[in-house]
Amino acid sequence: DIANNLMKHYGGQDKVDIEVIAFGAGIPLLYKNSSANGDSDKTNAERIASLIAHGVRFYACGNTLDTIERKTGKRPELLPGVNTVQTGVAFMIDEVNRGYTLVHP
């Protein structure tokens, strides 16, 4: 919702550069077989696919995925178009240092 609102406010995908970096409890929103806020799996996947199509980049923390895999014995499958970075928080700090503005709910 925040990404959509920002694109609308600033006049479209060409006016704002948005990255979503998920780690910890946020990772399940990027699972291929997950739902967000009680929505169906397909709805969650469609919303993220639409944002990706509009230039929003999604990243999942590899350290979080590694921990989940150690605990469950299986690495979660992520939605198409979601990239993995090894350390999500470090990636986020690096992006802020490059000039991005940190926004969180």
Protein backbone atom coordinates (compact mmCIF):
# COMPACT_ATOMS: atom_id res chain seq x y z
CA ASP A 1 0.00 0.00 0.00
CA ILE A 2 2.80 2.42 0.86
CA ALA A 3 4.52 1.81 -2.48
CA ASN A 4 1.27 2.42 -4.39
CA ASN A 5 0.56 5.56 -2.39
CA LEU A 6 4.04 6.94 -3.04
CA MET A 7 3.80 6.32 -6.77
CA LYS A 8 0.41 8.06 -6.88
CA HIS A 9 1.62 11.00 -4.79
CA TYR A 10 4.75 11.60 -6.84
CA GLY A 11 3.07 11.12 -10.20
CA GLY A 12 4.04 7.63 -11.28
CA GLN A 13 6.76 5.04 -11.38
CA ASP A 14 9.11 7.32 -13.30
CA LYS A 15 9.10 9.88 -10.47
CA VAL A 16 10.04 7.69 -7.49
CA ASP A 17 12.39 4.73 -7.01
CA ILE A 18 11.05 2.19 -4.50
CA GLU A 19 12.69 -0.86 -2.95
CA VAL A 20 11.06 -3.17 -0.42
CA ILE A 21 13.48 -5.08 1.77
CA ALA A 22 11.94 -7.86 3.85
CA PHE A 23 13.60 -9.63 6.77
CA GLY A 24 12.46 -11.37 9.93
CA ALA A 25 8.69 -11.38 10.29
CA GLY A 26 8.24 -9.62 6.92
CA ILE A 27 9.65 -12.49 4.87
CA PRO A 28 6.42 -14.57 4.70
CA LEU A 29 4.75 -11.82 2.67
CA LEU A 30 7.14 -12.75 -0.15
CA TYR A 31 6.51 -16.51 -0.01
CA LYS A 32 5.14 -17.99 -3.17
CA ASN A 33 2.43 -19.77 -1.16
CA SER A 34 1.50 -17.11 1.38
CA SER A 35 -1.26 -14.64 1.97
CA ALA A 36 -1.19 -11.11 3.30
CA ASN A 37 -3.76 -9.81 5.76
CA GLY A 38 -6.09 -12.73 5.11
CA ASP A 39 -6.15 -12.22 1.34
CA SER A 40 -5.85 -15.20 -0.95
CA ASP A 41 -2.43 -16.34 -2.10
CA LYS A 42 -3.21 -15.25 -5.63
CA THR A 43 -4.17 -11.74 -4.50
CA ASN A 44 -0.90 -11.28 -2.60
CA ALA A 45 1.11 -12.58 -5.55
CA GLU A 46 -0.83 -10.37 -7.96
CA ARG A 47 -0.27 -7.25 -5.86
CA ILE A 48 3.47 -7.85 -5.67
CA ALA A 49 3.67 -8.76 -9.37
CA SER A 50 1.87 -5.51 -10.22
CA LEU A 51 4.28 -3.50 -8.09
CA ILE A 52 7.25 -5.25 -9.71
CA ALA A 53 5.76 -4.47 -13.14
CA HIS A 54 5.65 -0.82 -12.06
CA GLY A 55 9.31 -0.78 -11.14
CA VAL A 56 9.22 -1.60 -7.41
CA ARG A 57 12.09 -3.90 -6.45
CA PHE A 58 11.61 -6.53 -3.74
CA TYR A 59 14.45 -8.08 -1.75
CA ALA A 60 14.39 -10.90 0.79
CA CYS A 61 17.02 -11.33 3.49
CA GLY A 62 19.10 -14.44 2.83
CA ASN A 63 20.07 -14.74 6.49
CA THR A 64 16.39 -14.95 7.44
CA LEU A 65 15.78 -17.53 4.72
CA ASP A 66 18.80 -19.53 5.98
CA THR A 67 17.39 -19.50 9.52
CA ILE A 68 13.96 -20.64 8.33
CA GLU A 69 15.58 -23.43 6.33
CA ARG A 70 17.61 -24.59 9.35
CA LYS A 71 14.50 -24.61 11.56
CA THR A 72 12.07 -26.20 9.11
CA GLY A 73 14.34 -28.23 6.86
CA LYS A 74 12.98 -26.45 3.79
CA ARG A 75 13.84 -23.12 2.19
CA PRO A 76 10.72 -21.10 1.39
CA GLU A 77 10.03 -20.48 -2.26
CA LEU A 78 9.73 -16.78 -3.05
CA LEU A 79 7.43 -15.04 -5.50
CA PRO A 80 8.79 -14.52 -9.02
CA GLY A 81 10.77 -11.30 -9.31
CA VAL A 82 11.85 -11.20 -5.67
CA ASN A 83 15.63 -10.98 -5.31
CA THR A 84 17.68 -12.21 -2.37
CA VAL A 85 20.40 -10.26 -0.58
CA GLN A 86 22.50 -12.03 2.04
CA THR A 87 22.00 -9.53 4.87
CA GLY A 88 18.78 -7.55 4.52
CA VAL A 89 19.48 -4.96 7.21
CA ALA A 90 23.00 -4.28 5.92
CA PHE A 91 21.59 -3.92 2.39
CA MET A 92 19.02 -1.46 3.73
CA ILE A 93 21.69 0.58 5.54
CA ASP A 94 23.82 0.64 2.38
CA GLU A 95 20.85 1.90 0.35
CA VAL A 96 20.19 4.66 2.91
CA ASN A 97 23.86 5.63 2.69
CA ARG A 98 23.45 5.83 -1.10
CA GLY A 99 20.66 8.37 -0.66
CA TYR A 100 17.48 6.33 -0.26
CA THR A 101 15.01 7.43 2.41
CA LEU A 102 14.06 4.75 4.91
CA VAL A 103 10.30 4.34 5.32
CA HIS A 104 8.70 1.70 7.50
CA PRO A 105 5.17 1.08 8.74
